[in-house]
Amino acid sequence: MPVIDQNSFEVISRSPDQTRRVGMRLGALLQRGDVIGLEGDLGAGKTTLVQGIASGWGSLDAVSSPTFVLVRVYRRLDGENLYHLDAYRLSGPSEAVDLDLDNMLSQGPLVVEWADRVKDALPPECLWVRMRWIAEEQHDFIFTAQGKHYQSLLDHFKQEAYGIL
């Protein structure tokens, strides 16, 4: 279990609806170029969190796991895109680079499931979310800011979602 430091924040979710609400609070704060890396085993809640992120960001598109298509694009009425990459089937960072991540980031935020598999292809500064299934009604999420922008994002998320300064 990782140590929680000043750059991290732990959230315990007790239901899929609560996980979606956490994601909605985070999604509302995302801007073009933001990267959210999700790490966790099957059943940890990654896709459920992304459903909330997309909804909070303003997408009207339904969210599903992009496992077989690798990248799904969710649109917002203002023309912005949110990219959802599932790196589970990628062999490593070079395959992620081939997907033209820079182009995606120039058009909107990027959320990566199984991000630990392609970490070297992602920008060093991002918001990392380590997710663990604890029990049927309990999932543990540790949000870690990597870089000043993401520390500010994490601080705003804590304030918006939990009233914590």
Protein backbone atom coordinates (compact mmCIF):
# COMPACT_ATOMS: atom_id res chain seq x y z
CA MET A 1 0.00 0.00 0.00
CA PRO A 2 1.51 3.35 -1.02
CA VAL A 3 2.10 6.08 1.52
CA ILE A 4 -0.25 9.05 1.20
CA ASP A 5 1.72 12.31 1.00
CA GLN A 6 0.79 15.97 0.43
CA ASN A 7 0.53 15.32 -3.34
CA SER A 8 -2.03 12.55 -2.86
CA PHE A 9 -5.63 12.19 -1.79
CA GLU A 10 -7.49 8.99 -0.93
CA VAL A 11 -11.15 8.36 -1.73
CA ILE A 12 -13.14 5.31 -0.67
CA SER A 13 -16.17 4.60 -2.82
CA ARG A 14 -18.96 2.38 -1.56
CA SER A 15 -20.98 2.06 -4.80
CA PRO A 16 -20.75 2.51 -8.58
CA ASP A 17 -22.97 5.59 -8.26
CA GLN A 18 -20.56 7.12 -5.75
CA THR A 19 -17.63 6.32 -8.07
CA ARG A 20 -19.46 8.07 -10.93
CA ARG A 21 -20.11 11.12 -8.70
CA VAL A 22 -16.40 11.29 -7.80
CA GLY A 23 -15.61 11.16 -11.51
CA MET A 24 -18.15 13.89 -12.27
CA ARG A 25 -16.45 16.24 -9.82
CA LEU A 26 -13.08 15.55 -11.43
CA GLY A 27 -14.39 15.72 -14.99
CA ALA A 28 -15.88 19.17 -14.42
CA LEU A 29 -12.35 20.48 -13.79
CA LEU A 30 -10.59 19.00 -16.83
CA GLN A 31 -9.16 21.15 -19.58
CA ARG A 32 -7.64 20.47 -22.98
CA GLY A 33 -4.29 18.71 -22.56
CA ASP A 34 -5.00 17.25 -19.11
CA VAL A 35 -3.94 13.62 -18.61
CA ILE A 36 -5.53 11.27 -16.08
CA GLY A 37 -3.78 7.91 -15.70
CA LEU A 38 -5.83 5.10 -14.16
CA GLU A 39 -4.06 2.07 -12.69
CA GLY A 40 -5.87 -0.92 -11.21
CA ASP A 41 -6.87 -4.52 -11.69
CA LEU A 42 -10.03 -5.72 -13.41
CA GLY A 43 -13.04 -4.68 -11.37
CA ALA A 44 -11.29 -1.77 -9.67
CA GLY A 45 -13.79 0.75 -11.07
CA LYS A 46 -11.80 2.33 -13.91
CA THR A 47 -14.56 2.44 -16.52
CA THR A 48 -17.15 3.49 -13.92
CA LEU A 49 -14.91 6.41 -12.91
CA VAL A 50 -14.50 7.37 -16.59
CA GLN A 51 -18.29 7.37 -16.99
CA GLY A 52 -18.45 10.02 -14.28
CA ILE A 53 -15.47 11.96 -15.67
CA ALA A 54 -17.07 12.17 -19.12
CA SER A 55 -20.43 13.19 -17.68
CA GLY A 56 -18.90 15.87 -15.45
CA TRP A 57 -16.81 17.14 -18.37
CA GLY A 58 -20.02 17.64 -20.31
CA SER A 59 -20.12 14.76 -22.78
CA LEU A 60 -23.51 13.57 -23.90
CA ASP A 61 -22.05 10.34 -25.34
CA ALA A 62 -22.46 7.01 -23.55
CA VAL A 63 -19.23 5.70 -22.04
CA SER A 64 -18.11 2.12 -22.40
CA SER A 65 -14.78 0.36 -22.12
CA PRO A 66 -12.70 0.95 -25.26
CA THR A 67 -10.86 -2.38 -24.89
CA PHE A 68 -11.44 -3.55 -28.45
CA VAL A 69 -11.16 -0.20 -30.22
CA LEU A 70 -8.36 1.17 -27.98
CA VAL A 71 -9.60 4.79 -28.03
CA ARG A 72 -13.07 6.20 -27.69
CA VAL A 73 -13.82 9.86 -28.28
CA TYR A 74 -16.54 11.62 -26.30
CA ARG A 75 -17.82 14.92 -27.61
CA ARG A 76 -19.16 18.03 -26.01
CA LEU A 77 -21.53 20.55 -27.60
CA ASP A 78 -18.73 23.15 -27.84
CA GLY A 79 -16.74 20.85 -30.17
CA GLU A 80 -14.19 19.75 -27.57
CA ASN A 81 -13.24 16.06 -27.35
CA LEU A 82 -12.41 13.86 -24.39
CA TYR A 83 -10.21 10.87 -25.25
CA HIS A 84 -10.52 7.55 -23.42
CA LEU A 85 -7.65 5.15 -24.10
CA ASP A 86 -7.58 1.57 -22.84
CA ALA A 87 -3.95 0.40 -22.84
CA TYR A 88 -4.75 -3.15 -21.72
CA ARG A 89 -4.11 -4.65 -25.17
CA LEU A 90 -1.10 -2.48 -26.00
CA SER A 91 2.29 -4.18 -25.85
CA GLY A 92 3.99 -1.12 -24.39
CA PRO A 93 4.66 2.62 -24.61
CA SER A 94 5.72 2.57 -28.28
CA GLU A 95 2.25 1.40 -29.35
CA ALA A 96 0.71 4.24 -27.34
CA VAL A 97 3.02 6.75 -29.05
CA ASP A 98 1.84 5.39 -32.42
CA LEU A 99 -1.71 6.45 -31.48
CA ASP A 100 -0.59 10.12 -31.65
CA LEU A 101 -1.24 11.11 -28.06
CA ASP A 102 0.05 14.64 -28.73
CA ASN A 103 -2.73 15.19 -31.26
CA MET A 104 -5.32 13.94 -28.79
CA LEU A 105 -3.99 16.24 -26.07
CA SER A 106 -4.16 19.22 -28.43
CA GLN A 107 -7.90 18.60 -28.80
CA GLY A 108 -8.97 17.72 -25.26
CA PRO A 109 -8.26 15.84 -22.05
CA LEU A 110 -7.04 12.23 -22.12
CA VAL A 111 -8.04 9.51 -19.64
CA VAL A 112 -5.97 6.32 -19.84
CA GLU A 113 -7.09 3.00 -18.35
CA TRP A 114 -4.22 0.59 -17.57
CA ALA A 115 -1.93 3.65 -17.73
CA ASP A 116 0.89 1.82 -15.93
CA ARG A 117 1.38 -0.26 -19.12
CA VAL A 118 2.23 2.85 -21.17
CA LYS A 119 3.51 5.24 -18.51
CA ASP A 120 6.67 6.09 -20.46
CA ALA A 121 4.53 7.34 -23.37
CA LEU A 122 2.53 9.70 -21.16
CA PRO A 123 3.68 13.17 -20.09
CA PRO A 124 5.61 13.08 -16.80
CA GLU A 125 3.12 15.54 -15.33
CA CYS A 126 -0.38 14.12 -14.93
CA LEU A 127 -2.94 13.07 -12.36
CA TRP A 128 -2.42 9.42 -11.48
CA VAL A 129 -5.21 7.38 -9.90
CA ARG A 130 -4.31 4.05 -8.30
CA MET A 131 -7.51 2.05 -7.92
CA ARG A 132 -8.12 -1.07 -5.84
CA TRP A 133 -11.12 -3.34 -5.37
CA ILE A 134 -11.44 -3.97 -1.63
CA ALA A 135 -14.87 -5.62 -1.41
CA GLU A 136 -18.11 -5.71 -3.39
CA GLU A 137 -19.15 -2.36 -1.95
CA GLN A 138 -15.74 -0.77 -1.41
CA HIS A 139 -13.16 0.56 -3.82
CA ASP A 140 -10.08 2.55 -2.82
CA PHE A 141 -8.75 5.34 -5.06
CA ILE A 142 -5.53 7.23 -4.45
CA PHE A 143 -5.22 10.38 -6.56
CA THR A 144 -1.62 11.58 -6.94
CA ALA A 145 -0.66 14.89 -8.55
CA GLN A 146 2.52 14.87 -10.60
CA GLY A 147 3.43 18.49 -11.30
CA LYS A 148 2.17 21.93 -10.22
CA HIS A 149 -0.79 22.06 -12.61
CA TYR A 150 -2.03 18.71 -11.34
CA GLN A 151 -1.50 19.69 -7.73
CA SER A 152 -3.75 22.68 -8.38
CA LEU A 153 -6.26 20.38 -10.12
CA LEU A 154 -6.17 17.96 -7.17
CA ASP A 155 -6.62 20.83 -4.70
CA HIS A 156 -9.65 22.11 -6.63
CA PHE A 157 -11.05 18.57 -6.83
CA LYS A 158 -10.73 18.12 -3.05
CA GLN A 159 -12.42 21.48 -2.47
CA GLU A 160 -15.25 20.88 -4.95
CA ALA A 161 -15.94 17.26 -3.97
CA TYR A 162 -15.27 17.27 -0.24
CA GLY A 163 -14.87 20.88 0.92
CA ILE A 164 -11.25 20.19 1.91
CA LEU A 165 -8.67 22.93 1.47
